[in-house]
Every structure is written in structure tokens, then in C-alpha cells.
Amino acid sequence: MDHRRLAGFVTWVVAIAIVVLGVPAAGAQSTGKANSLFAPVQLTPGEPQITKDVAIGGGLKIDIYAPAAAQSRGFFSARKKVPVLLYVHGGGWIKGSRDKVYNLPKFALERDWLLVSVQYRPVPRTDIDGQVKDVVRSINWVRNHIARYGGDAKRIAIMGHSAGAHLVAMIGAKKLGGAIRGVIANDVQAYDMVAYGGMRGSLPRVYAAAFGSDPADWIRWSPVTYVRTSRGHPPFMILYSGSNYDRRKVLANGFARELRRKGSHVTLFDGRRYRHGSIASRIGTSAEVTNAVEQFLRRVYR
């Protein structure tokens, strides 16, 4: 084959790779948007890859933050698979956005972990059962497709803050979403809604909007309900802040006690020095909470 034919053949192969594999042309940015179920995957060696608005079905989208370690080192080189941290935002079940990830992208990328921030429908567009299903849809999508971004489908941990903490606790307690390496529930009081309502005397507006006034719904939407009747839950990390500290401490420790009674490994973090917002926003900047979360994740990712 002469040089002109060889050059033409190479050009043809590269063109096919760009179309089929989503390999970008030279100079492509490491941050892009993806609007289809099978989004083009950008491979920029040595740089993190941020892919936003990845559609996963059901009208839901996710954002993917992949570290440089997950990028291909060449056309024929094997891509390293890195652990995955799937994050569920807060917002009192009635609002919130997957954009509110605080310092988690930097926290994850610096440790060569892949972060996925997910979306769920707010109340009253759906109820808590629907929100749990939305998060499980994201987990299942990640397990089936995250290898294309360099993630290890066998090493997925889930983390949520506030309402998101309740949803990941529900998923862990009900053992949904397949094999989860670990669950991080960061600062929520909804582990046992009957106990919470009894301690307060009544539900505040946000909780009432999500959980309603029927005690039967309080029971079925309480993670502790499912822990009390089964075993084999994934390891949990439960963090609680200094906002309404005494009540948060009692509810978090009560849930941890039920998990341990069923043989689950639980790590508790007493965050009395933090407020409800800062116990999430300081992950990555405060040595205390950062180290605690990192140690838990390194243990479950082994």
C-alpha cells in the first residue's frame, strides 16, 4: 500500500472512530453537553471530563464528572476504571437541582473518583415512591453505562444531603439499585417519621408537603421500617449537624442502632460544629468532615 493510500485509510479509520466512538477532534474541550441517551464520550488525555445533561430516560438527566485517571491514554490503551460516587441533591423533596454539588466535583476528581450528580422529580409532581424510583433509575443507568466514561460499575457508592440523604437511606434500607458498596446519608431527620413527628408534635411545612398527614405514609416512607424487617443492607455512613442538634442526634443514632442490630456496618459522624448547609458544603474544604467521608469511601471501594 503506497503512502497516499495509507494516509487515506488512516483518515477513514479516524473518521469512523469519531462517529462511532465519540472521539473528539483535536482541540475539543473537556467540558461538553450530551442530550441523548448515548452521549458522545470525550476523551481528553490528562484532563478531567465533565459531561452535563446526559439523558437517562423518564425525562431525567445526570451530570458526570470523570477524573483524568479515567481517560484513555491512547487509541489502543485500556482505560482505567475508577470508583463512582453517585450524589443526590437536597431541597426538601419539593425543589433542588443536580447543579448544587458544592465542592464534591473537586473532592472526587482529586481522589480519582468519578462523580455523578442525579435528578429526581419534585413533590407534588410525584411522591416519595416516585423519587426513589427516579434515583434507582439513575443508579441502574450508571451501572449499565458508566464504563464508557471510565467508571467502575462494580464500585458504586451513593450519597445524599438533606432530602437526598433520606432518598439514599430509603434505597439502602430497601436494598434497591443492585449491589451498592456504601450509602452516605448526610444530615436528615426523616429516618423514622413517626419518631420525628412525635418529637416535634407536628410536621413542619416542608415535611408535611412531602409526607402528608397519614401516619401510614409516614411509616412506609421511613427507612427504619425496612431495616427492622430485613438484613443484608450495605454499609452506611450517617452524618448529622448541629442544626436542631439534640433531635438530629437522637434520630440518626436510632437509625444507626437498628442497622447495627441487623448486622450492618455503620459509621456515625457527629457534626455538631457544622450547620445543615455547611456539613455538605465543607466536604472538600474542612479536614474533619472531608477525612471522615474519604475514609469511609476508601474502605467500601476496596
C-alpha atoms as a PDB file:
ATOM      1  CA  MET A   1       0.000   0.000   0.000  1.00  0.00           C
ATOM      2  CA  ASP A   2       1.577   3.351  -1.075  1.00  0.00           C
ATOM      3  CA  HIS A   3       1.742   6.397   1.166  1.00  0.00           C
ATOM      4  CA  ARG A   4      -1.300   8.097  -0.337  1.00  0.00           C
ATOM      5  CA  ARG A   5      -3.471   5.025   0.110  1.00  0.00           C
ATOM      6  CA  LEU A   6      -2.164   4.525   3.647  1.00  0.00           C
ATOM      7  CA  ALA A   7      -2.947   8.155   4.534  1.00  0.00           C
ATOM      8  CA  GLY A   8      -6.422   7.796   3.098  1.00  0.00           C
ATOM      9  CA  PHE A   9      -7.012   4.599   5.051  1.00  0.00           C
ATOM     10  CA  VAL A  10      -5.902   6.234   8.327  1.00  0.00           C
ATOM     11  CA  THR A  11      -8.187   9.221   7.692  1.00  0.00           C
ATOM     12  CA  TRP A  12     -11.109   6.873   7.056  1.00  0.00           C
ATOM     13  CA  VAL A  13     -10.433   4.952  10.304  1.00  0.00           C
ATOM     14  CA  VAL A  14     -10.230   8.180  12.351  1.00  0.00           C
ATOM     15  CA  ALA A  15     -13.474   9.453  10.818  1.00  0.00           C
ATOM     16  CA  ILE A  16     -15.274   6.232  11.678  1.00  0.00           C
ATOM     17  CA  ALA A  17     -13.905   6.383  15.240  1.00  0.00           C
ATOM     18  CA  ILE A  18     -15.199   9.925  15.693  1.00  0.00           C
ATOM     19  CA  VAL A  19     -18.687   8.964  14.541  1.00  0.00           C
ATOM     20  CA  VAL A  20     -18.972   5.607  16.265  1.00  0.00           C
ATOM     21  CA  LEU A  21     -16.943   6.054  19.449  1.00  0.00           C
ATOM     22  CA  GLY A  22     -17.468   9.773  20.015  1.00  0.00           C
ATOM     23  CA  VAL A  23     -13.724  10.552  19.936  1.00  0.00           C
ATOM     24  CA  PRO A  24     -13.409  14.343  19.551  1.00  0.00           C
ATOM     25  CA  ALA A  25     -11.297  16.097  17.003  1.00  0.00           C
ATOM     26  CA  ALA A  26      -8.058  17.699  18.148  1.00  0.00           C
ATOM     27  CA  GLY A  27      -8.594  20.683  20.407  1.00  0.00           C
ATOM     28  CA  ALA A  28     -12.007  19.527  21.734  1.00  0.00           C
ATOM     29  CA  GLN A  29     -12.887  20.878  25.156  1.00  0.00           C
ATOM     30  CA  SER A  30     -13.066  18.587  28.178  1.00  0.00           C
ATOM     31  CA  THR A  31     -16.420  20.049  29.200  1.00  0.00           C
ATOM     32  CA  GLY A  32     -19.382  19.267  26.996  1.00  0.00           C
ATOM     33  CA  LYS A  33     -23.098  18.653  26.870  1.00  0.00           C
ATOM     34  CA  ALA A  34     -24.884  15.467  25.968  1.00  0.00           C
ATOM     35  CA  ASN A  35     -28.537  15.470  25.008  1.00  0.00           C
ATOM     36  CA  SER A  36     -29.097  11.855  24.032  1.00  0.00           C
ATOM     37  CA  LEU A  37     -29.193   8.550  25.869  1.00  0.00           C
ATOM     38  CA  PHE A  38     -25.900   7.519  24.264  1.00  0.00           C
ATOM     39  CA  ALA A  39     -23.915  10.730  24.507  1.00  0.00           C
ATOM     40  CA  PRO A  40     -20.589  11.183  22.724  1.00  0.00           C
ATOM     41  CA  VAL A  41     -17.820  10.452  25.188  1.00  0.00           C
ATOM     42  CA  GLN A  42     -14.976  12.945  25.063  1.00  0.00           C
ATOM     43  CA  LEU A  43     -11.512  11.516  25.609  1.00  0.00           C
ATOM     44  CA  THR A  44      -9.030  14.217  26.507  1.00  0.00           C
ATOM     45  CA  PRO A  45      -5.921  12.582  27.988  1.00  0.00           C
ATOM     46  CA  GLY A  46      -4.643  14.218  31.160  1.00  0.00           C
ATOM     47  CA  GLU A  47      -7.771  16.294  31.849  1.00  0.00           C
ATOM     48  CA  PRO A  48     -10.988  15.741  33.800  1.00  0.00           C
ATOM     49  CA  GLN A  49     -14.039  15.235  31.630  1.00  0.00           C
ATOM     50  CA  ILE A  50     -17.303  16.942  32.564  1.00  0.00           C
ATOM     51  CA  THR A  51     -20.359  15.802  30.641  1.00  0.00           C
ATOM     52  CA  LYS A  52     -23.627  17.511  31.557  1.00  0.00           C
ATOM     53  CA  ASP A  53     -27.267  16.901  30.665  1.00  0.00           C
ATOM     54  CA  VAL A  54     -26.924  13.216  29.897  1.00  0.00           C
ATOM     55  CA  ALA A  55     -30.453  11.934  29.284  1.00  0.00           C
ATOM     56  CA  ILE A  56     -31.212   8.630  31.009  1.00  0.00           C
ATOM     57  CA  GLY A  57     -34.905   8.239  30.157  1.00  0.00           C
ATOM     58  CA  GLY A  58     -38.044   9.159  32.053  1.00  0.00           C
ATOM     59  CA  GLY A  59     -37.352  12.836  31.404  1.00  0.00           C
ATOM     60  CA  LEU A  60     -34.347  12.702  33.742  1.00  0.00           C
ATOM     61  CA  LYS A  61     -30.759  13.832  33.209  1.00  0.00           C
ATOM     62  CA  ILE A  62     -27.483  13.420  35.064  1.00  0.00           C
ATOM     63  CA  ASP A  63     -24.110  15.202  35.130  1.00  0.00           C
ATOM     64  CA  ILE A  64     -20.880  13.201  35.013  1.00  0.00           C
ATOM     65  CA  TYR A  65     -17.519  14.403  36.373  1.00  0.00           C
ATOM     66  CA  ALA A  66     -14.781  11.962  35.342  1.00  0.00           C
ATOM     67  CA  PRO A  67     -11.179  12.340  36.558  1.00  0.00           C
ATOM     68  CA  ALA A  68      -8.124  12.364  34.301  1.00  0.00           C
ATOM     69  CA  ALA A  69      -7.284   8.892  35.603  1.00  0.00           C
ATOM     70  CA  ALA A  70     -10.402   7.577  33.838  1.00  0.00           C
ATOM     71  CA  GLN A  71      -9.359   8.930  30.442  1.00  0.00           C
ATOM     72  CA  SER A  72      -7.878   6.778  27.708  1.00  0.00           C
ATOM     73  CA  ARG A  73      -4.136   7.093  27.242  1.00  0.00           C
ATOM     74  CA  GLY A  74      -4.353   6.274  23.573  1.00  0.00           C
ATOM     75  CA  PHE A  75      -6.499   4.660  20.916  1.00  0.00           C
ATOM     76  CA  PHE A  76      -5.402   1.129  21.770  1.00  0.00           C
ATOM     77  CA  SER A  77      -4.712   1.508  25.505  1.00  0.00           C
ATOM     78  CA  ALA A  78      -7.052   0.122  28.136  1.00  0.00           C
ATOM     79  CA  ARG A  79      -8.953   2.695  30.162  1.00  0.00           C
ATOM     80  CA  LYS A  80      -8.614   2.524  33.937  1.00  0.00           C
ATOM     81  CA  LYS A  81     -11.929   2.048  35.736  1.00  0.00           C
ATOM     82  CA  VAL A  82     -12.351   4.333  38.736  1.00  0.00           C
ATOM     83  CA  PRO A  83     -14.815   4.199  41.667  1.00  0.00           C
ATOM     84  CA  VAL A  84     -18.143   6.002  41.264  1.00  0.00           C
ATOM     85  CA  LEU A  85     -19.840   8.339  43.746  1.00  0.00           C
ATOM     86  CA  LEU A  86     -23.486   8.986  42.849  1.00  0.00           C
ATOM     87  CA  TYR A  87     -24.854  12.124  44.514  1.00  0.00           C
ATOM     88  CA  VAL A  88     -28.492  13.007  45.272  1.00  0.00           C
ATOM     89  CA  HIS A  89     -29.184  16.690  45.982  1.00  0.00           C
ATOM     90  CA  GLY A  90     -31.374  18.127  48.719  1.00  0.00           C
ATOM     91  CA  GLY A  91     -34.212  20.613  48.588  1.00  0.00           C
ATOM     92  CA  GLY A  92     -36.863  19.376  50.999  1.00  0.00           C
ATOM     93  CA  TRP A  93     -38.304  16.937  48.422  1.00  0.00           C
ATOM     94  CA  ILE A  94     -40.094  19.867  46.746  1.00  0.00           C
ATOM     95  CA  LYS A  95     -37.216  21.621  44.971  1.00  0.00           C
ATOM     96  CA  GLY A  96     -33.472  21.462  44.365  1.00  0.00           C
ATOM     97  CA  SER A  97     -31.118  20.909  41.469  1.00  0.00           C
ATOM     98  CA  ARG A  98     -28.414  18.452  40.489  1.00  0.00           C
ATOM     99  CA  ASP A  99     -26.198  21.536  39.911  1.00  0.00           C
ATOM    100  CA  LYS A 100     -25.938  22.000  43.692  1.00  0.00           C
ATOM    101  CA  VAL A 101     -22.932  19.771  44.241  1.00  0.00           C
ATOM    102  CA  TYR A 102     -20.926  22.144  46.469  1.00  0.00           C
ATOM    103  CA  ASN A 103     -17.233  21.082  46.415  1.00  0.00           C
ATOM    104  CA  LEU A 104     -17.933  17.454  45.553  1.00  0.00           C
ATOM    105  CA  PRO A 105     -16.554  17.580  41.970  1.00  0.00           C
ATOM    106  CA  LYS A 106     -13.176  18.798  43.224  1.00  0.00           C
ATOM    107  CA  PHE A 107     -13.292  16.373  46.169  1.00  0.00           C
ATOM    108  CA  ALA A 108     -13.969  13.401  43.883  1.00  0.00           C
ATOM    109  CA  LEU A 109     -11.716  14.353  40.970  1.00  0.00           C
ATOM    110  CA  GLU A 110      -8.701  14.961  43.225  1.00  0.00           C
ATOM    111  CA  ARG A 111      -9.054  11.389  44.513  1.00  0.00           C
ATOM    112  CA  ASP A 112      -9.529   9.855  41.060  1.00  0.00           C
ATOM    113  CA  TRP A 113     -13.181   9.095  41.712  1.00  0.00           C
ATOM    114  CA  LEU A 114     -15.975   9.676  39.237  1.00  0.00           C
ATOM    115  CA  LEU A 115     -18.896  11.813  40.463  1.00  0.00           C
ATOM    116  CA  VAL A 116     -22.415  11.517  39.065  1.00  0.00           C
ATOM    117  CA  SER A 117     -24.991  14.105  40.140  1.00  0.00           C
ATOM    118  CA  VAL A 118     -28.567  12.947  39.540  1.00  0.00           C
ATOM    119  CA  GLN A 119     -32.012  14.439  39.188  1.00  0.00           C
ATOM    120  CA  TYR A 120     -35.404  13.424  40.579  1.00  0.00           C
ATOM    121  CA  ARG A 121     -38.911  14.808  40.190  1.00  0.00           C
ATOM    122  CA  PRO A 122     -40.071  17.094  43.000  1.00  0.00           C
ATOM    123  CA  VAL A 123     -43.221  16.759  45.074  1.00  0.00           C
ATOM    124  CA  PRO A 124     -46.055  17.251  44.037  1.00  0.00           C
ATOM    125  CA  ARG A 125     -45.100  16.130  40.509  1.00  0.00           C
ATOM    126  CA  THR A 126     -44.527  12.752  42.142  1.00  0.00           C
ATOM    127  CA  ASP A 127     -44.395  11.354  45.655  1.00  0.00           C
ATOM    128  CA  ILE A 128     -41.519   9.862  47.621  1.00  0.00           C
ATOM    129  CA  ASP A 129     -42.018   6.464  45.993  1.00  0.00           C
ATOM    130  CA  GLY A 130     -41.587   8.160  42.626  1.00  0.00           C
ATOM    131  CA  GLN A 131     -38.472   9.988  43.796  1.00  0.00           C
ATOM    132  CA  VAL A 132     -36.932   6.733  44.978  1.00  0.00           C
ATOM    133  CA  LYS A 133     -37.697   5.193  41.582  1.00  0.00           C
ATOM    134  CA  ASP A 134     -36.042   8.158  39.844  1.00  0.00           C
ATOM    135  CA  VAL A 135     -32.832   7.729  41.822  1.00  0.00           C
ATOM    136  CA  VAL A 136     -32.870   3.969  41.240  1.00  0.00           C
ATOM    137  CA  ARG A 137     -33.240   4.644  37.504  1.00  0.00           C
ATOM    138  CA  SER A 138     -30.067   6.734  37.696  1.00  0.00           C
ATOM    139  CA  ILE A 139     -28.219   4.013  39.606  1.00  0.00           C
ATOM    140  CA  ASN A 140     -29.219   1.393  37.065  1.00  0.00           C
ATOM    141  CA  TRP A 141     -28.227   3.642  34.148  1.00  0.00           C
ATOM    142  CA  VAL A 142     -24.851   4.300  35.743  1.00  0.00           C
ATOM    143  CA  ARG A 143     -24.252   0.608  36.336  1.00  0.00           C
ATOM    144  CA  ASN A 144     -25.034  -0.182  32.687  1.00  0.00           C
ATOM    145  CA  HIS A 145     -23.244   2.740  31.002  1.00  0.00           C
ATOM    146  CA  ILE A 146     -20.633   4.316  33.278  1.00  0.00           C
ATOM    147  CA  ALA A 147     -17.791   2.174  31.886  1.00  0.00           C
ATOM    148  CA  ARG A 148     -17.968   4.376  28.757  1.00  0.00           C
ATOM    149  CA  TYR A 149     -16.840   7.268  30.960  1.00  0.00           C
ATOM    150  CA  GLY A 150     -14.169   5.283  32.793  1.00  0.00           C
ATOM    151  CA  GLY A 151     -16.249   4.379  35.839  1.00  0.00           C
ATOM    152  CA  ASP A 152     -16.237   1.010  37.577  1.00  0.00           C
ATOM    153  CA  ALA A 153     -19.800  -0.349  37.594  1.00  0.00           C
ATOM    154  CA  LYS A 154     -18.838  -2.716  40.423  1.00  0.00           C
ATOM    155  CA  ARG A 155     -17.761   0.085  42.757  1.00  0.00           C
ATOM    156  CA  ILE A 156     -20.723   2.444  43.160  1.00  0.00           C
ATOM    157  CA  ALA A 157     -21.459   4.309  46.392  1.00  0.00           C
ATOM    158  CA  ILE A 158     -24.444   6.618  46.806  1.00  0.00           C
ATOM    159  CA  MET A 159     -24.541   9.857  48.785  1.00  0.00           C
ATOM    160  CA  GLY A 160     -27.262  12.385  49.521  1.00  0.00           C
ATOM    161  CA  HIS A 161     -27.732  15.545  51.534  1.00  0.00           C
ATOM    162  CA  SER A 162     -30.931  16.585  53.339  1.00  0.00           C
ATOM    163  CA  ALA A 163     -33.888  15.186  51.335  1.00  0.00           C
ATOM    164  CA  GLY A 164     -31.318  13.407  49.179  1.00  0.00           C
ATOM    165  CA  ALA A 165     -29.981  11.748  52.342  1.00  0.00           C
ATOM    166  CA  HIS A 166     -33.462  10.400  53.032  1.00  0.00           C
ATOM    167  CA  LEU A 167     -33.776   9.033  49.484  1.00  0.00           C
ATOM    168  CA  VAL A 168     -30.425   7.227  49.558  1.00  0.00           C
ATOM    169  CA  ALA A 169     -31.288   5.873  53.020  1.00  0.00           C
ATOM    170  CA  MET A 170     -34.561   4.543  51.592  1.00  0.00           C
ATOM    171  CA  ILE A 171     -32.675   2.875  48.739  1.00  0.00           C
ATOM    172  CA  GLY A 172     -30.139   1.336  51.106  1.00  0.00           C
ATOM    173  CA  ALA A 173     -32.806   0.210  53.574  1.00  0.00           C
ATOM    174  CA  LYS A 174     -34.960  -1.366  50.829  1.00  0.00           C
ATOM    175  CA  LYS A 175     -31.855  -2.800  49.104  1.00  0.00           C
ATOM    176  CA  LEU A 176     -32.749  -1.264  45.743  1.00  0.00           C
ATOM    177  CA  GLY A 177     -30.491  -0.428  42.814  1.00  0.00           C
ATOM    178  CA  GLY A 178     -28.410  -3.591  42.839  1.00  0.00           C
ATOM    179  CA  ALA A 179     -25.128  -4.064  44.675  1.00  0.00           C
ATOM    180  CA  ILE A 180     -24.221  -0.745  46.306  1.00  0.00           C
ATOM    181  CA  ARG A 181     -20.817  -0.525  48.010  1.00  0.00           C
ATOM    182  CA  GLY A 182     -21.937   2.070  50.545  1.00  0.00           C
ATOM    183  CA  VAL A 183     -24.545   4.696  51.473  1.00  0.00           C
ATOM    184  CA  ILE A 184     -23.717   8.164  52.824  1.00  0.00           C
ATOM    185  CA  ALA A 185     -26.759   9.865  54.377  1.00  0.00           C
ATOM    186  CA  ASN A 186     -25.785  13.429  55.197  1.00  0.00           C
ATOM    187  CA  ASP A 187     -27.993  15.241  57.695  1.00  0.00           C
ATOM    188  CA  VAL A 188     -31.688  14.453  57.524  1.00  0.00           C
ATOM    189  CA  GLN A 189     -34.266  13.774  60.235  1.00  0.00           C
ATOM    190  CA  ALA A 190     -36.626  11.524  58.252  1.00  0.00           C
ATOM    191  CA  TYR A 191     -35.206   8.117  59.172  1.00  0.00           C
ATOM    192  CA  ASP A 192     -38.201   7.422  61.409  1.00  0.00           C
ATOM    193  CA  MET A 193     -41.084   9.767  60.645  1.00  0.00           C
ATOM    194  CA  VAL A 194     -43.262   8.522  63.496  1.00  0.00           C
ATOM    195  CA  ALA A 195     -40.500   9.307  65.989  1.00  0.00           C
ATOM    196  CA  TYR A 196     -39.782  12.631  64.295  1.00  0.00           C
ATOM    197  CA  GLY A 197     -43.431  13.680  64.344  1.00  0.00           C
ATOM    198  CA  GLY A 198     -43.736  12.648  67.979  1.00  0.00           C
ATOM    199  CA  MET A 199     -40.665  14.664  68.983  1.00  0.00           C
ATOM    200  CA  ARG A 200     -41.892  17.796  67.197  1.00  0.00           C
ATOM    201  CA  GLY A 201     -45.595  17.433  67.906  1.00  0.00           C
ATOM    202  CA  SER A 202     -46.397  18.202  64.259  1.00  0.00           C
ATOM    203  CA  LEU A 203     -44.635  18.222  60.909  1.00  0.00           C
ATOM    204  CA  PRO A 204     -43.140  21.453  59.569  1.00  0.00           C
ATOM    205  CA  ARG A 205     -44.442  22.728  56.228  1.00  0.00           C
ATOM    206  CA  VAL A 206     -41.798  21.121  54.028  1.00  0.00           C
ATOM    207  CA  TYR A 207     -42.119  17.719  55.667  1.00  0.00           C
ATOM    208  CA  ALA A 208     -45.918  17.928  55.585  1.00  0.00           C
ATOM    209  CA  ALA A 209     -45.834  18.671  51.849  1.00  0.00           C
ATOM    210  CA  ALA A 210     -43.727  15.572  51.192  1.00  0.00           C
ATOM    211  CA  PHE A 211     -45.040  13.090  53.775  1.00  0.00           C
ATOM    212  CA  GLY A 212     -48.641  14.246  54.211  1.00  0.00           C
ATOM    213  CA  SER A 213     -50.731  13.726  57.318  1.00  0.00           C
ATOM    214  CA  ASP A 214     -51.416   9.983  57.135  1.00  0.00           C
ATOM    215  CA  PRO A 215     -49.280   8.039  59.655  1.00  0.00           C
ATOM    216  CA  ALA A 216     -49.388   5.045  57.297  1.00  0.00           C
ATOM    217  CA  ASP A 217     -47.426   7.112  54.778  1.00  0.00           C
ATOM    218  CA  TRP A 218     -45.001   8.180  57.481  1.00  0.00           C
ATOM    219  CA  ILE A 219     -44.291   4.524  58.189  1.00  0.00           C
ATOM    220  CA  ARG A 220     -43.884   3.403  54.563  1.00  0.00           C
ATOM    221  CA  TRP A 221     -41.611   6.335  53.761  1.00  0.00           C
ATOM    222  CA  SER A 222     -39.358   5.815  56.801  1.00  0.00           C
ATOM    223  CA  PRO A 223     -36.089   3.956  56.087  1.00  0.00           C
ATOM    224  CA  VAL A 224     -36.145   2.416  59.558  1.00  0.00           C
ATOM    225  CA  THR A 225     -39.314   0.492  58.630  1.00  0.00           C
ATOM    226  CA  TYR A 226     -37.396  -1.653  56.147  1.00  0.00           C
ATOM    227  CA  VAL A 227     -34.302  -2.068  58.303  1.00  0.00           C
ATOM    228  CA  ARG A 228     -36.409  -3.531  61.096  1.00  0.00           C
ATOM    229  CA  THR A 229     -37.723  -6.306  58.847  1.00  0.00           C
ATOM    230  CA  SER A 230     -34.640  -7.399  56.863  1.00  0.00           C
ATOM    231  CA  ARG A 231     -30.895  -7.891  56.853  1.00  0.00           C
ATOM    232  CA  GLY A 232     -28.062  -7.541  54.364  1.00  0.00           C
ATOM    233  CA  HIS A 233     -28.009  -3.760  53.998  1.00  0.00           C
ATOM    234  CA  PRO A 234     -24.916  -2.037  52.569  1.00  0.00           C
ATOM    235  CA  PRO A 235     -22.509  -0.179  54.858  1.00  0.00           C
ATOM    236  CA  PHE A 236     -23.877   3.202  55.961  1.00  0.00           C
ATOM    237  CA  MET A 237     -22.257   6.467  56.915  1.00  0.00           C
ATOM    238  CA  ILE A 238     -24.685   8.742  58.769  1.00  0.00           C
ATOM    239  CA  LEU A 239     -23.768  12.378  59.358  1.00  0.00           C
ATOM    240  CA  TYR A 240     -25.754  14.821  61.497  1.00  0.00           C
ATOM    241  CA  SER A 241     -25.195  18.530  62.048  1.00  0.00           C
ATOM    242  CA  GLY A 242     -25.597  20.999  64.887  1.00  0.00           C
ATOM    243  CA  SER A 243     -28.881  22.357  63.476  1.00  0.00           C
ATOM    244  CA  ASN A 244     -31.527  21.131  65.959  1.00  0.00           C
ATOM    245  CA  TYR A 245     -28.640  19.065  67.253  1.00  0.00           C
ATOM    246  CA  ASP A 246     -30.310  17.064  70.032  1.00  0.00           C
ATOM    247  CA  ARG A 247     -33.134  15.851  67.813  1.00  0.00           C
ATOM    248  CA  ARG A 248     -30.868  15.057  64.841  1.00  0.00           C
ATOM    249  CA  LYS A 249     -28.521  13.136  67.104  1.00  0.00           C
ATOM    250  CA  VAL A 250     -31.322  11.005  68.567  1.00  0.00           C
ATOM    251  CA  LEU A 251     -32.854  10.204  65.164  1.00  0.00           C
ATOM    252  CA  ALA A 252     -29.515   9.458  63.470  1.00  0.00           C
ATOM    253  CA  ASN A 253     -28.333   7.264  66.325  1.00  0.00           C
ATOM    254  CA  GLY A 254     -31.667   5.464  66.466  1.00  0.00           C
ATOM    255  CA  PHE A 255     -31.427   4.575  62.772  1.00  0.00           C
ATOM    256  CA  ALA A 256     -27.797   3.516  63.197  1.00  0.00           C
ATOM    257  CA  ARG A 257     -28.752   1.306  66.132  1.00  0.00           C
ATOM    258  CA  GLU A 258     -31.381  -0.534  64.047  1.00  0.00           C
ATOM    259  CA  LEU A 259     -28.891  -1.059  61.202  1.00  0.00           C
ATOM    260  CA  ARG A 260     -26.282  -2.432  63.578  1.00  0.00           C
ATOM    261  CA  ARG A 261     -28.866  -4.679  65.212  1.00  0.00           C
ATOM    262  CA  LYS A 262     -29.370  -6.245  61.783  1.00  0.00           C
ATOM    263  CA  GLY A 263     -25.634  -6.757  61.299  1.00  0.00           C
ATOM    264  CA  SER A 264     -24.809  -3.745  59.105  1.00  0.00           C
ATOM    265  CA  HIS A 265     -21.626  -1.714  59.418  1.00  0.00           C
ATOM    266  CA  VAL A 266     -22.389   1.908  60.351  1.00  0.00           C
ATOM    267  CA  THR A 267     -20.109   4.935  60.629  1.00  0.00           C
ATOM    268  CA  LEU A 268     -21.556   7.884  62.557  1.00  0.00           C
ATOM    269  CA  PHE A 269     -20.246  11.424  62.196  1.00  0.00           C
ATOM    270  CA  ASP A 270     -21.141  13.906  64.932  1.00  0.00           C
ATOM    271  CA  GLY A 271     -21.144  17.210  63.051  1.00  0.00           C
ATOM    272  CA  ARG A 272     -22.181  19.496  65.891  1.00  0.00           C
ATOM    273  CA  ARG A 273     -19.640  22.079  64.610  1.00  0.00           C
ATOM    274  CA  TYR A 274     -21.490  22.383  61.315  1.00  0.00           C
ATOM    275  CA  ARG A 275     -24.861  23.712  60.281  1.00  0.00           C
ATOM    276  CA  HIS A 276     -27.270  21.876  57.991  1.00  0.00           C
ATOM    277  CA  GLY A 277     -25.783  23.531  54.909  1.00  0.00           C
ATOM    278  CA  SER A 278     -22.114  23.572  55.852  1.00  0.00           C
ATOM    279  CA  ILE A 279     -21.944  19.866  56.695  1.00  0.00           C
ATOM    280  CA  ALA A 280     -22.418  19.359  52.955  1.00  0.00           C
ATOM    281  CA  SER A 281     -20.598  22.396  51.560  1.00  0.00           C
ATOM    282  CA  ARG A 282     -17.460  21.815  53.673  1.00  0.00           C
ATOM    283  CA  ILE A 283     -16.741  18.359  52.256  1.00  0.00           C
ATOM    284  CA  GLY A 284     -13.533  19.042  50.397  1.00  0.00           C
ATOM    285  CA  THR A 285     -12.538  22.107  52.447  1.00  0.00           C
ATOM    286  CA  SER A 286     -12.877  21.097  56.114  1.00  0.00           C
ATOM    287  CA  ALA A 287     -10.294  18.490  57.072  1.00  0.00           C
ATOM    288  CA  GLU A 288     -12.555  16.923  59.703  1.00  0.00           C
ATOM    289  CA  VAL A 289     -15.603  16.093  57.600  1.00  0.00           C
ATOM    290  CA  THR A 290     -13.547  15.557  54.427  1.00  0.00           C
ATOM    291  CA  ASN A 291     -11.316  12.952  56.048  1.00  0.00           C
ATOM    292  CA  ALA A 292     -14.273  11.145  57.589  1.00  0.00           C
ATOM    293  CA  VAL A 293     -16.101  10.853  54.253  1.00  0.00           C
ATOM    294  CA  GLU A 294     -12.902   9.904  52.419  1.00  0.00           C
ATOM    295  CA  GLN A 295     -12.037   7.139  54.893  1.00  0.00           C
ATOM    296  CA  PHE A 296     -15.499   5.637  54.610  1.00  0.00           C
ATOM    297  CA  LEU A 297     -15.381   5.664  50.799  1.00  0.00           C
ATOM    298  CA  ARG A 298     -11.878   4.218  50.591  1.00  0.00           C
ATOM    299  CA  ARG A 299     -12.979   1.378  52.840  1.00  0.00           C
ATOM    300  CA  VAL A 300     -16.092   0.489  50.830  1.00  0.00           C
ATOM    301  CA  TYR A 301     -14.359   0.899  47.449  1.00  0.00           C
ATOM    302  CA  ARG A 302     -11.755  -1.776  48.265  1.00  0.00           C
END
